Amino acid sequence: MSAPAEGARDVTQGVRDSLPFVTSLRSRHGIVRVPGAGASRVTVRVEMPERWETIAFDVPTEAPVLALKLEALAQFGLQNALPGDFVLKLRGFDVLAEQASIAESGARGGSTYLITYRRRRPVR
């Protein structure tokens, strides 16, 4: 790999420095970028306790919560699962209006959503 040209800067370093600290805690390396139009974007985490995993997402604040939910299910390997079988929570409360935007749901940069099965599952 060649050295950067004189005057060039490492773009990833600037992005890494501007992210909230909590996005790096117990999360998979890298940030998944959710497509969508919008000037303002936030970095949020989605945690799935059944998988013991957390993934950081870069989402537009105008994107619907459902878009984040679908992308999170796909990233957790559950792309064939029905979205209605899962509940998305923010600060302990169910996000009932999934068509509302990320900003309207109350998420800020560094917020953590919890995605889990709507109904309890038997232990095997």
N, C-alpha and C. Protein backbone atom coordinates (compact mmCIF):
# COMPACT_ATOMS: atom_id res chain seq x y z
N MET A 1 0.84 -1.17 0.00
CA MET A 1 0.00 0.00 0.00
C MET A 1 0.89 1.23 0.00
N SER A 2 0.56 2.18 -0.84
CA SER A 2 1.40 3.36 -0.97
C SER A 2 1.08 4.37 0.13
N ALA A 3 2.04 5.22 0.39
CA ALA A 3 1.85 6.27 1.40
C ALA A 3 0.90 7.32 0.84
N PRO A 4 0.12 7.98 1.69
CA PRO A 4 -0.77 9.02 1.20
C PRO A 4 0.01 10.19 0.63
N ALA A 5 -0.60 10.83 -0.34
CA ALA A 5 0.04 11.99 -0.96
C ALA A 5 0.20 13.11 0.07
N GLU A 6 1.18 13.97 -0.18
CA GLU A 6 1.41 15.08 0.74
C GLU A 6 0.17 15.98 0.77
N GLY A 7 -0.25 16.35 1.93
CA GLY A 7 -1.43 17.19 2.09
C GLY A 7 -2.71 16.38 2.24
N ALA A 8 -2.67 15.08 1.95
CA ALA A 8 -3.86 14.24 2.10
C ALA A 8 -4.02 13.87 3.57
N ARG A 9 -5.24 13.61 3.98
CA ARG A 9 -5.45 13.24 5.37
C ARG A 9 -6.21 11.91 5.44
N ASP A 10 -6.04 11.22 6.53
CA ASP A 10 -6.71 9.95 6.75
C ASP A 10 -8.16 10.23 7.12
N VAL A 11 -9.07 9.97 6.20
CA VAL A 11 -10.48 10.28 6.41
C VAL A 11 -11.05 9.41 7.52
N THR A 12 -10.64 8.16 7.62
CA THR A 12 -11.19 7.27 8.64
C THR A 12 -10.81 7.73 10.04
N GLN A 13 -9.65 8.34 10.20
CA GLN A 13 -9.25 8.83 11.51
C GLN A 13 -10.19 9.93 11.98
N GLY A 14 -10.57 10.84 11.11
CA GLY A 14 -11.49 11.91 11.48
C GLY A 14 -12.86 11.38 11.83
N VAL A 15 -13.32 10.37 11.09
CA VAL A 15 -14.62 9.77 11.37
C VAL A 15 -14.59 9.06 12.71
N ARG A 16 -13.53 8.31 12.97
CA ARG A 16 -13.41 7.58 14.22
C ARG A 16 -13.39 8.52 15.42
N ASP A 17 -12.74 9.67 15.27
CA ASP A 17 -12.65 10.62 16.37
C ASP A 17 -13.97 11.31 16.65
N SER A 18 -14.85 11.42 15.63
CA SER A 18 -16.09 12.16 15.81
C SER A 18 -17.24 11.27 16.31
N LEU A 19 -17.02 9.97 16.39
CA LEU A 19 -18.08 9.07 16.84
C LEU A 19 -18.20 9.08 18.36
N PRO A 20 -19.42 8.89 18.87
CA PRO A 20 -19.56 8.79 20.33
C PRO A 20 -18.79 7.58 20.85
N PHE A 21 -18.25 7.71 22.03
CA PHE A 21 -17.45 6.64 22.63
C PHE A 21 -18.23 5.34 22.77
N VAL A 22 -19.52 5.44 23.07
CA VAL A 22 -20.30 4.23 23.33
C VAL A 22 -20.44 3.33 22.11
N THR A 23 -20.23 3.86 20.90
CA THR A 23 -20.37 3.01 19.72
C THR A 23 -19.27 1.96 19.65
N SER A 24 -18.17 2.17 20.37
CA SER A 24 -17.08 1.20 20.33
C SER A 24 -17.16 0.16 21.44
N LEU A 25 -18.09 0.31 22.37
CA LEU A 25 -18.20 -0.61 23.48
C LEU A 25 -18.91 -1.90 23.06
N ARG A 26 -18.27 -3.00 23.25
CA ARG A 26 -18.85 -4.33 23.01
C ARG A 26 -19.57 -4.45 21.67
N SER A 27 -19.10 -3.79 20.65
CA SER A 27 -19.77 -3.88 19.36
C SER A 27 -18.82 -4.45 18.31
N ARG A 28 -19.42 -5.00 17.29
CA ARG A 28 -18.68 -5.54 16.17
C ARG A 28 -17.86 -4.43 15.53
N HIS A 29 -16.70 -4.78 14.97
CA HIS A 29 -15.85 -3.77 14.32
C HIS A 29 -16.56 -3.21 13.10
N GLY A 30 -16.39 -1.94 12.89
CA GLY A 30 -16.99 -1.28 11.74
C GLY A 30 -18.38 -0.75 12.05
N ILE A 31 -18.85 0.09 11.16
CA ILE A 31 -20.17 0.70 11.31
C ILE A 31 -20.95 0.43 10.04
N VAL A 32 -22.16 -0.06 10.18
CA VAL A 32 -23.03 -0.35 9.04
C VAL A 32 -23.74 0.94 8.67
N ARG A 33 -23.62 1.32 7.42
CA ARG A 33 -24.26 2.54 6.93
C ARG A 33 -25.61 2.19 6.33
N VAL A 34 -26.68 2.71 6.91
CA VAL A 34 -28.03 2.49 6.42
C VAL A 34 -28.29 3.52 5.33
N PRO A 35 -28.65 3.07 4.12
CA PRO A 35 -28.87 4.04 3.04
C PRO A 35 -30.10 4.90 3.30
N GLY A 36 -30.05 6.09 2.77
CA GLY A 36 -31.18 7.00 2.92
C GLY A 36 -30.73 8.43 2.71
N ALA A 37 -31.67 9.22 2.27
CA ALA A 37 -31.38 10.64 2.04
C ALA A 37 -31.49 11.40 3.35
N GLY A 38 -30.75 12.45 3.43
CA GLY A 38 -30.80 13.28 4.63
C GLY A 38 -29.43 13.84 4.93
N ALA A 39 -29.42 15.08 5.31
CA ALA A 39 -28.15 15.74 5.60
C ALA A 39 -27.59 15.32 6.95
N SER A 40 -28.45 15.17 7.93
CA SER A 40 -27.95 14.83 9.27
C SER A 40 -28.05 13.32 9.50
N ARG A 41 -27.00 12.78 10.05
CA ARG A 41 -26.93 11.35 10.35
C ARG A 41 -26.49 11.19 11.81
N VAL A 42 -26.88 10.09 12.42
CA VAL A 42 -26.44 9.77 13.77
C VAL A 42 -25.92 8.34 13.78
N THR A 43 -25.06 8.08 14.73
CA THR A 43 -24.55 6.72 14.93
C THR A 43 -25.24 6.15 16.16
N VAL A 44 -25.96 5.06 15.95
CA VAL A 44 -26.66 4.38 17.04
C VAL A 44 -26.20 2.93 17.08
N ARG A 45 -26.43 2.29 18.20
CA ARG A 45 -26.12 0.87 18.34
C ARG A 45 -27.41 0.10 18.44
N VAL A 46 -27.39 -1.13 17.92
CA VAL A 46 -28.52 -2.04 18.08
C VAL A 46 -27.96 -3.29 18.73
N GLU A 47 -28.57 -3.66 19.85
CA GLU A 47 -28.11 -4.81 20.63
C GLU A 47 -29.16 -5.91 20.57
N MET A 48 -28.71 -7.14 20.36
CA MET A 48 -29.60 -8.30 20.38
C MET A 48 -29.10 -9.25 21.46
N PRO A 49 -29.79 -9.30 22.61
CA PRO A 49 -29.29 -10.11 23.72
C PRO A 49 -29.25 -11.61 23.42
N GLU A 50 -30.13 -12.10 22.56
CA GLU A 50 -30.13 -13.53 22.24
C GLU A 50 -28.87 -13.94 21.48
N ARG A 51 -28.27 -13.00 20.81
CA ARG A 51 -27.04 -13.27 20.05
C ARG A 51 -25.79 -12.78 20.78
N TRP A 52 -25.96 -12.09 21.88
CA TRP A 52 -24.85 -11.50 22.63
C TRP A 52 -24.00 -10.64 21.71
N GLU A 53 -24.65 -9.81 20.94
CA GLU A 53 -23.92 -9.01 19.97
C GLU A 53 -24.53 -7.61 19.85
N THR A 54 -23.69 -6.66 19.54
CA THR A 54 -24.10 -5.27 19.33
C THR A 54 -23.44 -4.78 18.05
N ILE A 55 -24.23 -4.07 17.23
CA ILE A 55 -23.73 -3.55 15.97
C ILE A 55 -24.00 -2.05 15.93
N ALA A 56 -23.02 -1.28 15.45
CA ALA A 56 -23.18 0.16 15.30
C ALA A 56 -23.70 0.46 13.90
N PHE A 57 -24.65 1.40 13.82
CA PHE A 57 -25.25 1.79 12.55
C PHE A 57 -25.15 3.30 12.38
N ASP A 58 -24.87 3.72 11.17
CA ASP A 58 -24.88 5.13 10.81
C ASP A 58 -26.16 5.34 10.00
N VAL A 59 -27.14 6.06 10.57
CA VAL A 59 -28.45 6.21 9.94
C VAL A 59 -28.82 7.67 9.78
N PRO A 60 -29.58 7.98 8.72
CA PRO A 60 -30.09 9.35 8.60
C PRO A 60 -31.17 9.58 9.66
N THR A 61 -31.23 10.75 10.22
CA THR A 61 -32.22 11.02 11.27
C THR A 61 -33.63 11.01 10.72
N GLU A 62 -33.80 11.18 9.40
CA GLU A 62 -35.13 11.17 8.79
C GLU A 62 -35.58 9.76 8.41
N ALA A 63 -34.71 8.77 8.50
CA ALA A 63 -35.06 7.40 8.12
C ALA A 63 -36.07 6.83 9.11
N PRO A 64 -37.00 6.01 8.62
CA PRO A 64 -37.96 5.40 9.56
C PRO A 64 -37.27 4.36 10.45
N VAL A 65 -37.79 4.18 11.62
CA VAL A 65 -37.25 3.21 12.56
C VAL A 65 -37.32 1.80 11.96
N LEU A 66 -38.34 1.55 11.16
CA LEU A 66 -38.49 0.24 10.53
C LEU A 66 -37.31 -0.09 9.62
N ALA A 67 -36.74 0.91 8.94
CA ALA A 67 -35.57 0.67 8.09
C ALA A 67 -34.38 0.21 8.93
N LEU A 68 -34.20 0.81 10.09
CA LEU A 68 -33.14 0.38 11.00
C LEU A 68 -33.39 -1.02 11.50
N LYS A 69 -34.64 -1.32 11.83
CA LYS A 69 -35.00 -2.65 12.33
C LYS A 69 -34.72 -3.73 11.28
N LEU A 70 -35.10 -3.48 10.04
CA LEU A 70 -34.88 -4.44 8.96
C LEU A 70 -33.40 -4.64 8.69
N GLU A 71 -32.63 -3.57 8.69
CA GLU A 71 -31.19 -3.68 8.47
C GLU A 71 -30.52 -4.41 9.63
N ALA A 72 -30.97 -4.15 10.84
CA ALA A 72 -30.40 -4.84 12.00
C ALA A 72 -30.69 -6.34 11.93
N LEU A 73 -31.91 -6.72 11.59
CA LEU A 73 -32.23 -8.14 11.46
C LEU A 73 -31.37 -8.80 10.40
N ALA A 74 -31.14 -8.11 9.28
CA ALA A 74 -30.29 -8.66 8.23
C ALA A 74 -28.85 -8.82 8.72
N GLN A 75 -28.34 -7.84 9.45
CA GLN A 75 -26.96 -7.90 9.95
C GLN A 75 -26.79 -8.99 11.01
N PHE A 76 -27.84 -9.27 11.76
CA PHE A 76 -27.78 -10.34 12.76
C PHE A 76 -28.03 -11.71 12.14
N GLY A 77 -28.24 -11.77 10.82
CA GLY A 77 -28.44 -13.04 10.13
C GLY A 77 -29.87 -13.52 10.15
N LEU A 78 -30.81 -12.63 10.39
CA LEU A 78 -32.22 -12.99 10.48
C LEU A 78 -33.03 -12.31 9.37
N GLN A 79 -32.46 -12.22 8.17
CA GLN A 79 -33.14 -11.51 7.09
C GLN A 79 -34.44 -12.17 6.66
N ASN A 80 -34.63 -13.47 6.92
CA ASN A 80 -35.86 -14.16 6.55
C ASN A 80 -36.91 -14.13 7.66
N ALA A 81 -36.58 -13.57 8.79
CA ALA A 81 -37.52 -13.50 9.91
C ALA A 81 -38.55 -12.41 9.66
N LEU A 82 -39.71 -12.58 10.24
CA LEU A 82 -40.76 -11.58 10.12
C LEU A 82 -40.47 -10.43 11.10
N PRO A 83 -40.47 -9.19 10.61
CA PRO A 83 -40.18 -8.06 11.50
C PRO A 83 -41.18 -7.94 12.65
N GLY A 84 -42.41 -8.40 12.44
CA GLY A 84 -43.42 -8.33 13.49
C GLY A 84 -43.15 -9.26 14.66
N ASP A 85 -42.26 -10.23 14.47
CA ASP A 85 -41.90 -11.15 15.55
C ASP A 85 -40.89 -10.54 16.52
N PHE A 86 -40.41 -9.34 16.21
CA PHE A 86 -39.39 -8.68 17.02
C PHE A 86 -39.88 -7.33 17.49
N VAL A 87 -39.42 -6.93 18.64
CA VAL A 87 -39.75 -5.62 19.19
C VAL A 87 -38.45 -4.83 19.31
N LEU A 88 -38.54 -3.55 19.01
CA LEU A 88 -37.40 -2.65 19.11
C LEU A 88 -37.66 -1.72 20.29
N LYS A 89 -36.68 -1.60 21.17
CA LYS A 89 -36.85 -0.78 22.36
C LYS A 89 -35.78 0.29 22.41
N LEU A 90 -36.15 1.42 22.98
CA LEU A 90 -35.21 2.51 23.20
C LEU A 90 -35.45 3.02 24.61
N ARG A 91 -34.41 3.02 25.42
CA ARG A 91 -34.47 3.43 26.82
C ARG A 91 -35.52 2.63 27.60
N GLY A 92 -35.68 1.36 27.27
CA GLY A 92 -36.58 0.47 28.00
C GLY A 92 -38.01 0.45 27.52
N PHE A 93 -38.37 1.32 26.57
CA PHE A 93 -39.74 1.39 26.09
C PHE A 93 -39.83 0.89 24.65
N ASP A 94 -40.93 0.20 24.35
CA ASP A 94 -41.16 -0.26 22.98
C ASP A 94 -41.29 0.94 22.05
N VAL A 95 -40.68 0.84 20.88
CA VAL A 95 -40.86 1.85 19.84
C VAL A 95 -42.07 1.39 19.04
N LEU A 96 -43.22 1.97 19.32
CA LEU A 96 -44.47 1.52 18.72
C LEU A 96 -44.67 2.10 17.32
N ALA A 97 -44.25 3.31 17.10
CA ALA A 97 -44.43 3.97 15.81
C ALA A 97 -43.18 3.71 14.95
N GLU A 98 -43.15 2.56 14.30
CA GLU A 98 -41.97 2.20 13.52
C GLU A 98 -41.88 2.98 12.21
N GLN A 99 -42.95 3.63 11.81
CA GLN A 99 -42.90 4.46 10.60
C GLN A 99 -42.36 5.86 10.91
N ALA A 100 -42.25 6.20 12.18
CA ALA A 100 -41.70 7.49 12.58
C ALA A 100 -40.19 7.50 12.32
N SER A 101 -39.63 8.68 12.24
CA SER A 101 -38.19 8.79 11.96
C SER A 101 -37.37 8.46 13.21
N ILE A 102 -36.10 8.25 12.97
CA ILE A 102 -35.16 7.98 14.07
C ILE A 102 -35.17 9.15 15.05
N ALA A 103 -35.18 10.38 14.53
CA ALA A 103 -35.19 11.57 15.39
C ALA A 103 -36.47 11.63 16.21
N GLU A 104 -37.61 11.32 15.60
CA GLU A 104 -38.89 11.36 16.31
C GLU A 104 -38.99 10.29 17.38
N SER A 105 -38.24 9.20 17.22
CA SER A 105 -38.27 8.14 18.24
C SER A 105 -37.52 8.54 19.50
N GLY A 106 -36.71 9.61 19.41
CA GLY A 106 -35.98 10.09 20.58
C GLY A 106 -34.53 9.69 20.61
N ALA A 107 -34.04 9.05 19.55
CA ALA A 107 -32.64 8.62 19.53
C ALA A 107 -31.72 9.80 19.26
N ARG A 108 -30.56 9.75 19.92
CA ARG A 108 -29.50 10.74 19.71
C ARG A 108 -28.25 9.97 19.32
N GLY A 109 -27.21 10.68 18.97
CA GLY A 109 -25.95 10.03 18.65
C GLY A 109 -25.46 9.22 19.85
N GLY A 110 -25.20 7.94 19.64
CA GLY A 110 -24.74 7.06 20.71
C GLY A 110 -25.85 6.31 21.42
N SER A 111 -27.10 6.53 21.04
CA SER A 111 -28.22 5.79 21.67
C SER A 111 -28.13 4.32 21.31
N THR A 112 -28.67 3.49 22.19
CA THR A 112 -28.68 2.05 21.95
C THR A 112 -30.11 1.55 21.89
N TYR A 113 -30.45 0.94 20.77
CA TYR A 113 -31.73 0.25 20.62
C TYR A 113 -31.52 -1.21 21.02
N LEU A 114 -32.56 -1.81 21.53
CA LEU A 114 -32.53 -3.23 21.87
C LEU A 114 -33.55 -3.91 20.97
N ILE A 115 -33.12 -4.93 20.24
CA ILE A 115 -34.05 -5.70 19.42
C ILE A 115 -34.10 -7.11 19.99
N THR A 116 -35.30 -7.58 20.23
CA THR A 116 -35.48 -8.88 20.85
C THR A 116 -36.78 -9.49 20.36
N TYR A 117 -36.93 -10.79 20.61
CA TYR A 117 -38.17 -11.46 20.22
C TYR A 117 -39.34 -10.89 21.00
N ARG A 118 -40.45 -10.73 20.31
CA ARG A 118 -41.66 -10.18 20.93
C ARG A 118 -42.19 -11.12 22.01
N ARG A 119 -42.14 -12.41 21.75
CA ARG A 119 -42.64 -13.40 22.71
C ARG A 119 -41.47 -14.21 23.26
N ARG A 120 -41.61 -14.66 24.47
CA ARG A 120 -40.56 -15.47 25.08
C ARG A 120 -40.41 -16.77 24.31
N ARG A 121 -39.19 -17.26 24.25
CA ARG A 121 -38.91 -18.49 23.51
C ARG A 121 -38.49 -19.56 24.50
N PRO A 122 -38.82 -20.84 24.22
CA PRO A 122 -38.45 -21.90 25.14
C PRO A 122 -36.95 -22.12 25.18
N VAL A 123 -36.46 -22.49 26.32
CA VAL A 123 -35.04 -22.79 26.49
C VAL A 123 -34.81 -24.23 26.07
N ARG A 124 -33.79 -24.44 25.27
CA ARG A 124 -33.52 -25.81 24.80
C ARG A 124 -32.19 -26.28 25.27
